[in-house]
Amino acid sequence: MRAAPLFLVFLLAGIVVAQDTVYVCPMDPDVRSNQPGFCQRCGMKLAAGLPEPVEYRMDLTLTPHLLRAGQKVKLGFTVRDPWKGLPVTRFQSLHERLFHLFVVSQDMQFFAHAHPAPHSGGTFTYDTAFPTPGMYRLLADFYPDGATPQLVAKTLIVPGAAPPLAALTRDYSPKDAENLHVELSTDPPQPIAGMKTLMFFRVSPAAGFEPYLGAWGHMLVVSSDLIDLIHTHPFQANGPLVQFNVEFPRAGTYRVWVQFQRKGVVNTARFDVPVTRLE
C-alpha cells in the first residue's frame, strides 16, 4: 500500500505546519519582513517574494527624427517583454511615478530628472530640447508588473560641434541650491573602487525638509566617461543628515547629483568624487 502524503500524516496527527511568507523590497532586496508593509528605507511596498530578475528591452523613438540643438523633440519610450517582445502595458509605481528618466550631457552641464507621461498601449513620452550638440546619456527607471525594477541606458547624439567631455576633479565644496544648503562627507574619505562608500549629506536649514517622491533624497552617479550610471536612494536619514551607500564600479572621477525637497521646492546639488583603485 502506498504511504500517505507527508502533509496528510501531519493533518491526521493534528499538527499544522505553516510556511512563513517573506516580504521583500523590490528596490532594496536586503530589506525583508515577515509582515506586509512598506520599506523603511525607500518607502516602496514590500512584495511577497520577487520573481527572478530578467532584463526588459526599451525602444526609443524621436519626433522629429533628426535632432538639432535647442529644438524641441518628443522622446517616446516603449518597454517590451523579454519573451515575445510585446509592449508592456502594466507598471508598478516606483517612488510615486511609473517612469523616471535622467538625462545628462557629455560635458555634464545639463542634468534633468523627469517623468515621461504614460499613454494607452504602454508608451511614455517626454518633450525636451537638448541645449548643445554632443552625446547625451539617458537612464530610464521603471517597474514592469510581475517583474523586478529595471534600469535601461540609452545614448543620443545631437549633431554639431560637441563640447569636450567634462574634466572632473575633486569637489566636495558645500553647495547652495534653491532653498537648501548641502554639505558632503564620505567614509572612507578617499573612496575605493569596488568597495562600499558611505556618503553623508547634511542639509540646512532643517525646518521644512521633507521627502521627495517617497524618499528622503534621490541620487544619480555618472562616471566622467559617461559609461557608468547609477540611480540610488538613501540608506537612512537621521533628520537633516542623509546617508547614501554607493559602490563605485571603477577607478576614476564621478559626478554625483543629489536632490532633496524643502517646503515643496526640489533642490539639486552636484559634487565630483574621485575614486581610486584598491592597492
Protein backbone atom coordinates (compact mmCIF):
# COMPACT_ATOMS: atom_id res chain seq x y z
CA MET A 1 0.00 0.00 0.00
CA ARG A 2 1.32 3.45 -0.93
CA ALA A 3 2.36 5.68 2.01
CA ALA A 4 0.16 8.66 2.82
CA PRO A 5 1.48 12.07 1.73
CA LEU A 6 3.53 13.83 4.40
CA PHE A 7 1.08 16.74 4.74
CA LEU A 8 -1.77 14.21 5.31
CA VAL A 9 0.20 12.48 8.08
CA PHE A 10 0.68 15.87 9.78
CA LEU A 11 -3.03 16.66 9.34
CA LEU A 12 -4.13 13.34 10.85
CA ALA A 13 -1.78 13.89 13.76
CA GLY A 14 -3.33 17.28 14.43
CA ILE A 15 -0.15 19.14 13.54
CA VAL A 16 -0.39 22.26 11.40
CA VAL A 17 2.77 23.25 9.56
CA ALA A 18 2.85 26.87 8.40
CA GLN A 19 5.27 28.26 5.89
CA ASP A 20 6.47 31.79 6.63
CA THR A 21 5.96 34.31 3.85
CA VAL A 22 8.90 36.64 3.37
CA TYR A 23 8.09 40.14 2.11
CA VAL A 24 10.90 41.81 0.17
CA CYS A 25 11.51 45.36 -1.05
CA PRO A 26 11.79 45.35 -4.88
CA MET A 27 14.25 48.27 -4.76
CA ASP A 28 16.31 47.10 -1.76
CA PRO A 29 16.10 43.27 -1.69
CA ASP A 30 18.10 43.12 1.54
CA VAL A 31 15.11 44.71 3.32
CA ARG A 32 12.87 41.79 4.35
CA SER A 33 9.97 41.24 6.72
CA ASN A 34 7.54 38.52 7.82
CA GLN A 35 4.74 41.07 7.63
CA PRO A 36 3.35 43.06 4.67
CA GLY A 37 4.05 46.76 4.66
CA PHE A 38 6.45 49.30 3.21
CA CYS A 39 10.23 49.54 3.07
CA GLN A 40 11.52 51.76 5.85
CA ARG A 41 14.45 52.73 3.66
CA CYS A 42 12.85 53.77 0.35
CA GLY A 43 9.10 53.62 1.05
CA MET A 44 8.22 51.05 -1.61
CA LYS A 45 5.57 48.43 -0.92
CA LEU A 46 7.05 45.09 0.13
CA ALA A 47 6.31 42.17 -2.20
CA ALA A 48 5.62 38.56 -1.15
CA GLY A 49 8.73 37.19 -2.82
CA LEU A 50 10.27 38.51 -6.01
CA PRO A 51 10.48 36.84 -9.43
CA GLU A 52 13.87 36.02 -10.90
CA PRO A 53 15.39 39.20 -12.39
CA VAL A 54 15.00 39.37 -16.17
CA GLU A 55 16.11 42.29 -18.34
CA TYR A 56 13.40 44.08 -20.32
CA ARG A 57 14.02 45.86 -23.62
CA MET A 58 13.12 49.51 -24.18
CA ASP A 59 12.61 51.14 -27.59
CA LEU A 60 13.30 54.85 -28.02
CA THR A 61 11.75 56.99 -30.76
CA LEU A 62 12.37 60.65 -31.67
CA THR A 63 9.92 63.15 -33.18
CA PRO A 64 11.31 64.76 -35.29
CA HIS A 65 13.78 62.04 -36.11
CA LEU A 66 16.66 64.45 -36.82
CA LEU A 67 17.93 66.07 -33.64
CA ARG A 68 19.04 69.71 -33.55
CA ALA A 69 20.48 71.61 -30.61
CA GLY A 70 17.87 73.82 -28.98
CA GLN A 71 14.98 72.32 -30.97
CA LYS A 72 12.03 70.75 -29.19
CA VAL A 73 11.85 66.97 -29.55
CA LYS A 74 9.40 64.36 -28.29
CA LEU A 75 11.03 61.27 -26.83
CA GLY A 76 8.91 58.11 -26.98
CA PHE A 77 9.59 55.05 -24.81
CA THR A 78 8.11 51.57 -25.28
CA VAL A 79 9.03 48.77 -22.87
CA ARG A 80 8.88 45.26 -24.32
CA ASP A 81 8.73 41.93 -22.54
CA PRO A 82 11.83 39.73 -22.93
CA TRP A 83 9.91 36.67 -24.18
CA LYS A 84 7.73 37.77 -27.11
CA GLY A 85 8.75 41.39 -27.49
CA LEU A 86 5.22 42.61 -26.82
CA PRO A 87 4.69 46.10 -25.37
CA VAL A 88 4.31 46.13 -21.59
CA THR A 89 1.11 47.92 -20.58
CA ARG A 90 1.08 47.47 -16.80
CA PHE A 91 3.64 49.02 -14.46
CA GLN A 92 4.05 49.34 -10.72
CA SER A 93 4.57 52.74 -9.19
CA LEU A 94 8.24 53.40 -8.45
CA HIS A 95 8.69 56.24 -5.95
CA GLU A 96 5.28 57.70 -6.77
CA ARG A 97 5.83 57.61 -10.55
CA LEU A 98 5.53 54.96 -13.27
CA PHE A 99 8.65 56.11 -15.14
CA HIS A 100 11.74 58.06 -14.09
CA LEU A 101 14.10 59.49 -16.70
CA PHE A 102 17.55 61.02 -16.17
CA VAL A 103 19.33 62.95 -18.95
CA VAL A 104 22.99 64.05 -18.80
CA SER A 105 25.06 65.84 -21.47
CA GLN A 106 28.62 64.80 -22.28
CA ASP A 107 30.06 67.95 -20.67
CA MET A 108 27.82 67.26 -17.63
CA GLN A 109 26.44 70.80 -17.69
CA PHE A 110 22.93 69.57 -18.49
CA PHE A 111 21.08 67.39 -15.99
CA ALA A 112 17.38 66.51 -15.88
CA HIS A 113 15.27 64.20 -13.73
CA ALA A 114 11.90 63.92 -15.45
CA HIS A 115 8.82 61.70 -15.51
CA PRO A 116 7.54 60.85 -19.00
CA ALA A 117 3.77 60.81 -19.39
CA PRO A 118 2.05 57.40 -19.78
CA HIS A 119 -0.26 56.68 -22.74
CA SER A 120 -2.56 53.84 -23.74
CA GLY A 121 -0.74 50.90 -25.27
CA GLY A 122 2.15 51.15 -22.82
CA THR A 123 4.10 54.08 -24.32
CA PHE A 124 5.58 57.04 -22.43
CA THR A 125 6.52 60.42 -23.90
CA TYR A 126 8.64 63.35 -22.77
CA ASP A 127 9.13 66.71 -24.50
CA THR A 128 12.52 68.33 -24.15
CA ALA A 129 15.24 70.25 -26.01
CA PHE A 130 18.91 69.33 -25.95
CA PRO A 131 20.75 72.63 -25.44
CA THR A 132 24.04 71.86 -27.21
CA PRO A 133 25.44 69.38 -29.75
CA GLY A 134 27.12 66.25 -28.50
CA MET A 135 26.35 63.00 -26.75
CA TYR A 136 23.58 62.63 -24.19
CA ARG A 137 23.10 59.69 -21.87
CA LEU A 138 19.58 58.68 -20.83
CA LEU A 139 18.79 56.41 -17.90
CA ALA A 140 15.24 55.04 -17.62
CA ASP A 141 13.94 53.59 -14.34
CA PHE A 142 10.65 51.63 -14.37
CA TYR A 143 8.97 48.62 -12.79
CA PRO A 144 7.00 46.25 -15.08
CA ASP A 145 4.16 44.50 -13.29
CA GLY A 146 5.17 40.96 -12.32
CA ALA A 147 8.87 41.65 -12.82
CA THR A 148 11.63 43.48 -10.96
CA PRO A 149 12.61 47.17 -11.23
CA GLN A 150 14.57 47.92 -14.39
CA LEU A 151 17.34 50.40 -15.29
CA VAL A 152 17.93 50.88 -19.02
CA ALA A 153 20.50 53.28 -20.51
CA LYS A 154 20.35 54.84 -23.98
CA THR A 155 22.66 57.18 -25.90
CA LEU A 156 21.67 60.03 -28.22
CA ILE A 157 23.90 62.15 -30.45
CA VAL A 158 22.94 65.72 -31.32
CA PRO A 159 24.84 66.72 -34.50
CA GLY A 160 27.24 69.65 -34.39
CA ALA A 161 30.46 70.81 -32.77
CA ALA A 162 30.31 69.00 -29.44
CA PRO A 163 31.95 70.24 -26.23
CA PRO A 164 34.68 68.05 -24.73
CA LEU A 165 33.97 65.51 -22.04
CA ALA A 166 33.95 67.01 -18.57
CA ALA A 167 37.39 67.17 -16.90
CA LEU A 168 36.37 66.40 -13.33
CA THR A 169 38.45 66.97 -10.22
CA ARG A 170 37.55 66.52 -6.57
CA ASP A 171 34.75 68.86 -5.49
CA TYR A 172 33.33 68.34 -2.01
CA SER A 173 32.68 72.04 -1.50
CA PRO A 174 29.34 72.96 0.15
CA LYS A 175 26.59 73.88 -2.28
CA ASP A 176 23.73 76.36 -2.05
CA ALA A 177 20.72 75.10 -4.02
CA GLU A 178 17.29 76.71 -4.42
CA ASN A 179 16.41 76.94 -0.71
CA LEU A 180 18.80 74.41 0.84
CA HIS A 181 22.49 74.30 1.82
CA VAL A 182 24.11 70.89 1.19
CA GLU A 183 27.42 69.58 2.58
CA LEU A 184 29.12 66.27 1.69
CA SER A 185 31.50 63.97 3.56
CA THR A 186 32.44 60.36 2.76
CA ASP A 187 33.63 57.30 4.66
CA PRO A 188 36.27 56.40 3.70
CA PRO A 189 37.47 59.94 2.90
CA GLN A 190 39.05 58.51 -0.26
CA PRO A 191 36.53 56.19 -1.97
CA ILE A 192 37.90 52.94 -3.41
CA ALA A 193 36.50 51.19 -6.49
CA GLY A 194 34.54 48.03 -5.71
CA MET A 195 34.14 48.87 -2.04
CA LYS A 196 31.18 50.47 -0.28
CA THR A 197 31.41 54.22 0.21
CA LEU A 198 29.16 55.89 2.77
CA MET A 199 28.15 59.32 1.52
CA PHE A 200 26.76 61.69 4.16
CA PHE A 201 24.83 64.79 3.12
CA ARG A 202 23.96 67.37 5.75
CA VAL A 203 21.22 69.76 4.68
CA SER A 204 20.24 73.05 6.27
CA PRO A 205 18.04 74.64 7.34
CA ALA A 206 16.32 71.52 8.66
CA ALA A 207 12.95 73.24 9.01
CA GLY A 208 10.71 72.22 6.11
CA PHE A 209 12.96 69.36 4.96
CA GLU A 210 10.62 66.69 3.56
CA PRO A 211 10.56 63.52 1.42
CA TYR A 212 10.81 63.89 -2.35
CA LEU A 213 8.94 61.28 -4.40
CA GLY A 214 8.66 58.87 -1.49
CA ALA A 215 12.29 59.08 -0.36
CA TRP A 216 14.47 61.49 1.62
CA GLY A 217 16.54 62.05 -1.49
CA HIS A 218 17.46 60.83 -4.95
CA MET A 219 20.96 60.40 -6.36
CA LEU A 220 22.41 59.95 -9.84
CA VAL A 221 26.07 58.93 -10.15
CA VAL A 222 27.80 59.21 -13.56
CA SER A 223 31.41 58.37 -14.44
CA SER A 224 33.40 61.05 -16.27
CA ASP A 225 33.36 58.95 -19.46
CA LEU A 226 29.55 58.56 -19.15
CA ILE A 227 29.76 54.75 -19.19
CA ASP A 228 28.57 54.04 -15.65
CA LEU A 229 25.23 55.42 -14.44
CA ILE A 230 23.78 54.65 -11.00
CA HIS A 231 20.41 55.75 -9.61
CA THR A 232 20.00 55.18 -5.90
CA HIS A 233 18.21 56.37 -2.76
CA PRO A 234 19.19 56.98 0.87
CA PHE A 235 20.21 54.08 3.07
CA GLN A 236 18.94 56.04 6.04
CA ALA A 237 18.10 59.57 7.14
CA ASN A 238 18.57 60.99 10.60
CA GLY A 239 16.89 64.36 10.47
CA PRO A 240 18.99 66.64 8.24
CA LEU A 241 21.78 64.01 7.88
CA VAL A 242 21.09 61.73 4.91
CA GLN A 243 23.25 58.68 4.15
CA PHE A 244 23.64 57.05 0.74
CA ASN A 245 25.70 53.88 0.21
CA VAL A 246 27.44 53.66 -3.17
CA GLU A 247 29.81 51.10 -4.66
CA PHE A 248 31.74 52.82 -7.44
CA PRO A 249 32.48 50.20 -10.12
CA ARG A 250 35.80 51.58 -11.45
CA ALA A 251 38.57 53.98 -10.57
CA GLY A 252 38.06 57.49 -11.94
CA THR A 253 36.10 60.61 -11.09
CA TYR A 254 32.32 60.59 -10.82
CA ARG A 255 29.81 63.42 -10.84
CA VAL A 256 27.12 62.98 -8.21
CA TRP A 257 23.80 64.80 -8.39
CA VAL A 258 21.61 64.72 -5.28
CA GLN A 259 18.06 66.01 -4.99
CA PHE A 260 16.31 66.97 -1.77
CA GLN A 261 13.00 68.70 -1.16
CA ARG A 262 12.28 71.53 1.27
CA LYS A 263 8.92 73.29 1.57
CA GLY A 264 7.80 71.86 -1.77
CA VAL A 265 10.92 73.02 -3.63
CA VAL A 266 13.22 70.42 -5.24
CA ASN A 267 16.88 71.25 -4.67
CA THR A 268 19.61 69.82 -6.91
CA ALA A 269 23.28 69.88 -5.88
CA ARG A 270 26.27 68.30 -7.57
CA PHE A 271 29.63 67.04 -6.31
CA ASP A 272 32.65 65.43 -8.00
CA VAL A 273 34.12 62.37 -6.29
CA PRO A 274 37.50 60.82 -7.27
CA VAL A 275 37.71 57.06 -6.79
CA THR A 276 40.98 55.13 -6.57
CA ARG A 277 41.90 51.50 -7.22
CA LEU A 278 42.34 49.01 -4.42
CA GLU A 279 46.10 48.61 -3.98
